[in-house]
Amino acid sequence: MAASDETLRRLIVELRLLEGTANTLQSRLNFISAMQTELNYAKMTLEGLEKEKEDVPLFVPIGGGSYIRAKLESAEKIIVGMGAGVSVEKSLSKAKETVGNRIAQLEKTRGMLQQQLTQVAQKMEEDQAKFQRLSEKLRESERKRNVQKA
């Protein structure tokens, strides 16, 4: 039964590694979802700006549910965040395109992460089933040994 004990130990280690992987993937999915939400707000704002005229009053979010009053000077040029703290001035149409592309890329990434998480979860279920079967086999073997001793 030493081989069974070793297999049981390996399954425990593998399950712990899979659990860590699943947690990491879930954290990444949460981050992607937050970024998608932020970019969707940006997309809606850019679409709304298309319809506005100069000097229209706006509320500009500054964080924490707080806003400042401002007036739209021009919607022709937009400063778009490109990542890593870099921002670039673009036309409204190019800004919308950039934001749309980033949303599409995040959706693709989210799909890949979701697929990986599903695979990890399936492997965890398989390993847990193996663990249960092996544990039961070891308990049964132990019971037989105890009965023979008595």
C-alpha atoms as a PDB file:
ATOM      1  CA  MET A   1       0.000   0.000   0.000  1.00  0.00           C
ATOM      2  CA  ALA A   2       3.032   2.290   0.026  1.00  0.00           C
ATOM      3  CA  ALA A   3       2.434   3.047  -3.650  1.00  0.00           C
ATOM      4  CA  SER A   4      -1.140   4.069  -2.833  1.00  0.00           C
ATOM      5  CA  ASP A   5       0.092   6.351  -0.068  1.00  0.00           C
ATOM      6  CA  GLU A   6       2.530   7.979  -2.479  1.00  0.00           C
ATOM      7  CA  THR A   7      -0.195   8.409  -5.105  1.00  0.00           C
ATOM      8  CA  LEU A   8      -2.424   9.979  -2.471  1.00  0.00           C
ATOM      9  CA  ARG A   9       0.321  12.442  -1.515  1.00  0.00           C
ATOM     10  CA  ARG A  10       0.889  13.348  -5.174  1.00  0.00           C
ATOM     11  CA  LEU A  11      -2.831  13.945  -5.653  1.00  0.00           C
ATOM     12  CA  ILE A  12      -2.890  16.243  -2.621  1.00  0.00           C
ATOM     13  CA  VAL A  13       0.049  18.273  -3.971  1.00  0.00           C
ATOM     14  CA  GLU A  14      -1.506  18.440  -7.436  1.00  0.00           C
ATOM     15  CA  LEU A  15      -4.862  19.544  -6.012  1.00  0.00           C
ATOM     16  CA  ARG A  16      -3.158  22.341  -4.058  1.00  0.00           C
ATOM     17  CA  LEU A  17      -1.327  23.493  -7.195  1.00  0.00           C
ATOM     18  CA  LEU A  18      -4.531  23.372  -9.236  1.00  0.00           C
ATOM     19  CA  GLU A  19      -6.352  25.343  -6.548  1.00  0.00           C
ATOM     20  CA  GLY A  20      -3.642  28.030  -6.649  1.00  0.00           C
ATOM     21  CA  THR A  21      -3.862  28.134 -10.439  1.00  0.00           C
ATOM     22  CA  ALA A  22      -7.655  28.438 -10.284  1.00  0.00           C
ATOM     23  CA  ASN A  23      -7.375  31.321  -7.802  1.00  0.00           C
ATOM     24  CA  THR A  24      -4.853  33.108 -10.025  1.00  0.00           C
ATOM     25  CA  LEU A  25      -7.052  32.669 -13.110  1.00  0.00           C
ATOM     26  CA  GLN A  26     -10.104  33.921 -11.203  1.00  0.00           C
ATOM     27  CA  SER A  27      -8.164  37.000 -10.059  1.00  0.00           C
ATOM     28  CA  ARG A  28      -7.165  37.718 -13.643  1.00  0.00           C
ATOM     29  CA  LEU A  29     -10.767  37.297 -14.786  1.00  0.00           C
ATOM     30  CA  ASN A  30     -11.905  39.766 -12.127  1.00  0.00           C
ATOM     31  CA  PHE A  31      -9.266  42.257 -13.281  1.00  0.00           C
ATOM     32  CA  ILE A  32     -10.305  41.818 -16.940  1.00  0.00           C
ATOM     33  CA  SER A  33     -13.960  42.372 -15.992  1.00  0.00           C
ATOM     34  CA  ALA A  34     -13.088  45.582 -14.157  1.00  0.00           C
ATOM     35  CA  MET A  35     -11.108  46.823 -17.165  1.00  0.00           C
ATOM     36  CA  GLN A  36     -13.975  45.929 -19.508  1.00  0.00           C
ATOM     37  CA  THR A  37     -16.407  47.893 -17.357  1.00  0.00           C
ATOM     38  CA  GLU A  38     -14.114  50.918 -17.363  1.00  0.00           C
ATOM     39  CA  LEU A  39     -13.612  50.759 -21.127  1.00  0.00           C
ATOM     40  CA  ASN A  40     -17.348  50.342 -21.734  1.00  0.00           C
ATOM     41  CA  TYR A  41     -17.925  53.545 -19.741  1.00  0.00           C
ATOM     42  CA  ALA A  42     -15.297  55.254 -21.887  1.00  0.00           C
ATOM     43  CA  LYS A  43     -16.982  53.967 -25.045  1.00  0.00           C
ATOM     44  CA  MET A  44     -20.400  55.245 -23.915  1.00  0.00           C
ATOM     45  CA  THR A  45     -18.887  58.617 -23.008  1.00  0.00           C
ATOM     46  CA  LEU A  46     -17.187  58.940 -26.384  1.00  0.00           C
ATOM     47  CA  GLU A  47     -20.445  58.045 -28.147  1.00  0.00           C
ATOM     48  CA  GLY A  48     -22.238  60.674 -26.066  1.00  0.00           C
ATOM     49  CA  LEU A  49     -19.604  63.308 -26.853  1.00  0.00           C
ATOM     50  CA  GLU A  50     -20.299  62.884 -30.571  1.00  0.00           C
ATOM     51  CA  LYS A  51     -23.721  64.379 -30.025  1.00  0.00           C
ATOM     52  CA  GLU A  52     -22.639  67.312 -27.886  1.00  0.00           C
ATOM     53  CA  LYS A  53     -21.795  70.821 -28.972  1.00  0.00           C
ATOM     54  CA  GLU A  54     -19.007  73.063 -27.705  1.00  0.00           C
ATOM     55  CA  ASP A  55     -19.486  74.845 -24.357  1.00  0.00           C
ATOM     56  CA  VAL A  56     -22.062  72.288 -23.182  1.00  0.00           C
ATOM     57  CA  PRO A  57     -21.821  71.854 -19.382  1.00  0.00           C
ATOM     58  CA  LEU A  58     -20.523  68.478 -18.216  1.00  0.00           C
ATOM     59  CA  PHE A  59     -19.942  66.654 -14.966  1.00  0.00           C
ATOM     60  CA  VAL A  60     -16.466  65.117 -15.036  1.00  0.00           C
ATOM     61  CA  PRO A  61     -15.882  62.203 -12.644  1.00  0.00           C
ATOM     62  CA  ILE A  62     -12.842  62.643 -10.415  1.00  0.00           C
ATOM     63  CA  GLY A  63     -13.237  59.356  -8.495  1.00  0.00           C
ATOM     64  CA  GLY A  64     -15.019  58.198  -5.410  1.00  0.00           C
ATOM     65  CA  GLY A  65     -18.417  59.154  -6.846  1.00  0.00           C
ATOM     66  CA  SER A  66     -17.325  62.808  -6.999  1.00  0.00           C
ATOM     67  CA  TYR A  67     -17.588  65.168  -9.986  1.00  0.00           C
ATOM     68  CA  ILE A  68     -16.518  68.623 -11.079  1.00  0.00           C
ATOM     69  CA  ARG A  69     -18.396  70.907 -13.413  1.00  0.00           C
ATOM     70  CA  ALA A  70     -16.705  71.638 -16.731  1.00  0.00           C
ATOM     71  CA  LYS A  71     -17.555  72.882 -20.201  1.00  0.00           C
ATOM     72  CA  LEU A  72     -16.754  70.955 -23.357  1.00  0.00           C
ATOM     73  CA  GLU A  73     -14.166  72.926 -25.273  1.00  0.00           C
ATOM     74  CA  SER A  74     -13.972  70.496 -28.172  1.00  0.00           C
ATOM     75  CA  ALA A  75     -14.728  66.833 -28.789  1.00  0.00           C
ATOM     76  CA  GLU A  76     -12.474  66.700 -31.836  1.00  0.00           C
ATOM     77  CA  LYS A  77      -9.371  65.564 -29.963  1.00  0.00           C
ATOM     78  CA  ILE A  78      -9.442  62.985 -27.186  1.00  0.00           C
ATOM     79  CA  ILE A  79      -6.603  61.878 -24.925  1.00  0.00           C
ATOM     80  CA  VAL A  80      -6.683  58.063 -24.908  1.00  0.00           C
ATOM     81  CA  GLY A  81      -4.832  55.882 -22.405  1.00  0.00           C
ATOM     82  CA  MET A  82      -2.741  53.288 -24.200  1.00  0.00           C
ATOM     83  CA  GLY A  83      -1.519  51.417 -21.109  1.00  0.00           C
ATOM     84  CA  ALA A  84       1.612  51.576 -18.974  1.00  0.00           C
ATOM     85  CA  GLY A  85       0.832  55.211 -18.123  1.00  0.00           C
ATOM     86  CA  VAL A  86       1.056  56.326 -21.752  1.00  0.00           C
ATOM     87  CA  SER A  87      -1.690  58.510 -23.280  1.00  0.00           C
ATOM     88  CA  VAL A  88      -2.043  59.711 -26.861  1.00  0.00           C
ATOM     89  CA  GLU A  89      -4.151  62.433 -28.449  1.00  0.00           C
ATOM     90  CA  LYS A  90      -6.493  61.048 -31.124  1.00  0.00           C
ATOM     91  CA  SER A  91      -9.503  62.145 -33.104  1.00  0.00           C
ATOM     92  CA  LEU A  92     -12.870  61.140 -31.667  1.00  0.00           C
ATOM     93  CA  SER A  93     -13.362  58.431 -34.300  1.00  0.00           C
ATOM     94  CA  LYS A  94      -9.859  57.006 -33.729  1.00  0.00           C
ATOM     95  CA  ALA A  95     -10.387  57.137 -29.957  1.00  0.00           C
ATOM     96  CA  LYS A  96     -13.626  55.160 -30.310  1.00  0.00           C
ATOM     97  CA  GLU A  97     -11.839  52.657 -32.540  1.00  0.00           C
ATOM     98  CA  THR A  98      -8.968  52.287 -30.055  1.00  0.00           C
ATOM     99  CA  VAL A  99     -11.335  51.756 -27.137  1.00  0.00           C
ATOM    100  CA  GLY A 100     -13.401  49.287 -29.178  1.00  0.00           C
ATOM    101  CA  ASN A 101     -10.267  47.331 -30.105  1.00  0.00           C
ATOM    102  CA  ARG A 102      -9.180  47.181 -26.483  1.00  0.00           C
ATOM    103  CA  ILE A 103     -12.626  45.930 -25.442  1.00  0.00           C
ATOM    104  CA  ALA A 104     -12.471  43.237 -28.149  1.00  0.00           C
ATOM    105  CA  GLN A 105      -8.975  42.189 -27.037  1.00  0.00           C
ATOM    106  CA  LEU A 106     -10.095  41.978 -23.415  1.00  0.00           C
ATOM    107  CA  GLU A 107     -13.071  39.853 -24.455  1.00  0.00           C
ATOM    108  CA  LYS A 108     -10.730  37.486 -26.298  1.00  0.00           C
ATOM    109  CA  THR A 109      -8.409  37.320 -23.284  1.00  0.00           C
ATOM    110  CA  ARG A 110     -11.366  36.757 -20.954  1.00  0.00           C
ATOM    111  CA  GLY A 111     -12.531  33.861 -23.134  1.00  0.00           C
ATOM    112  CA  MET A 112      -9.098  32.228 -23.045  1.00  0.00           C
ATOM    113  CA  LEU A 113      -8.839  32.658 -19.264  1.00  0.00           C
ATOM    114  CA  GLN A 114     -12.346  31.264 -18.799  1.00  0.00           C
ATOM    115  CA  GLN A 115     -11.428  28.233 -20.914  1.00  0.00           C
ATOM    116  CA  GLN A 116      -8.272  27.671 -18.850  1.00  0.00           C
ATOM    117  CA  LEU A 117     -10.264  27.980 -15.621  1.00  0.00           C
ATOM    118  CA  THR A 118     -12.775  25.431 -16.886  1.00  0.00           C
ATOM    119  CA  GLN A 119      -9.961  23.002 -17.732  1.00  0.00           C
ATOM    120  CA  VAL A 120      -8.385  23.472 -14.295  1.00  0.00           C
ATOM    121  CA  ALA A 121     -11.755  22.929 -12.599  1.00  0.00           C
ATOM    122  CA  GLN A 122     -12.320  19.726 -14.591  1.00  0.00           C
ATOM    123  CA  LYS A 123      -8.864  18.423 -13.660  1.00  0.00           C
ATOM    124  CA  MET A 124      -9.565  19.270 -10.014  1.00  0.00           C
ATOM    125  CA  GLU A 125     -12.824  17.300 -10.142  1.00  0.00           C
ATOM    126  CA  GLU A 126     -11.027  14.310 -11.698  1.00  0.00           C
ATOM    127  CA  ASP A 127      -8.274  14.440  -9.075  1.00  0.00           C
ATOM    128  CA  GLN A 128     -10.790  14.789  -6.240  1.00  0.00           C
ATOM    129  CA  ALA A 129     -12.668  11.750  -7.516  1.00  0.00           C
ATOM    130  CA  LYS A 130      -9.388   9.778  -7.700  1.00  0.00           C
ATOM    131  CA  PHE A 131      -8.534  10.989  -4.207  1.00  0.00           C
ATOM    132  CA  GLN A 132     -11.906   9.831  -2.860  1.00  0.00           C
ATOM    133  CA  ARG A 133     -11.619   6.406  -4.503  1.00  0.00           C
ATOM    134  CA  LEU A 134      -8.061   5.906  -3.294  1.00  0.00           C
ATOM    135  CA  SER A 135      -8.897   7.095   0.229  1.00  0.00           C
ATOM    136  CA  GLU A 136     -11.823   4.705   0.386  1.00  0.00           C
ATOM    137  CA  LYS A 137      -9.631   1.845  -0.876  1.00  0.00           C
ATOM    138  CA  LEU A 138      -7.014   2.626   1.784  1.00  0.00           C
ATOM    139  CA  ARG A 139      -9.651   2.800   4.556  1.00  0.00           C
ATOM    140  CA  GLU A 140     -11.117  -0.523   3.427  1.00  0.00           C
ATOM    141  CA  SER A 141      -7.656  -2.070   3.412  1.00  0.00           C
ATOM    142  CA  GLU A 142      -7.015  -0.692   6.901  1.00  0.00           C
ATOM    143  CA  ARG A 143     -10.327  -2.112   8.168  1.00  0.00           C
ATOM    144  CA  LYS A 144      -9.448  -5.553   6.785  1.00  0.00           C
ATOM    145  CA  ARG A 145      -6.071  -5.453   8.519  1.00  0.00           C
ATOM    146  CA  ASN A 146      -7.693  -4.443  11.823  1.00  0.00           C
ATOM    147  CA  VAL A 147     -10.258  -7.280  11.529  1.00  0.00           C
ATOM    148  CA  GLN A 148      -7.505  -9.810  10.826  1.00  0.00           C
ATOM    149  CA  LYS A 149      -5.543  -8.647  13.886  1.00  0.00           C
ATOM    150  CA  ALA A 150      -8.576  -9.033  16.147  1.00  0.00           C
END
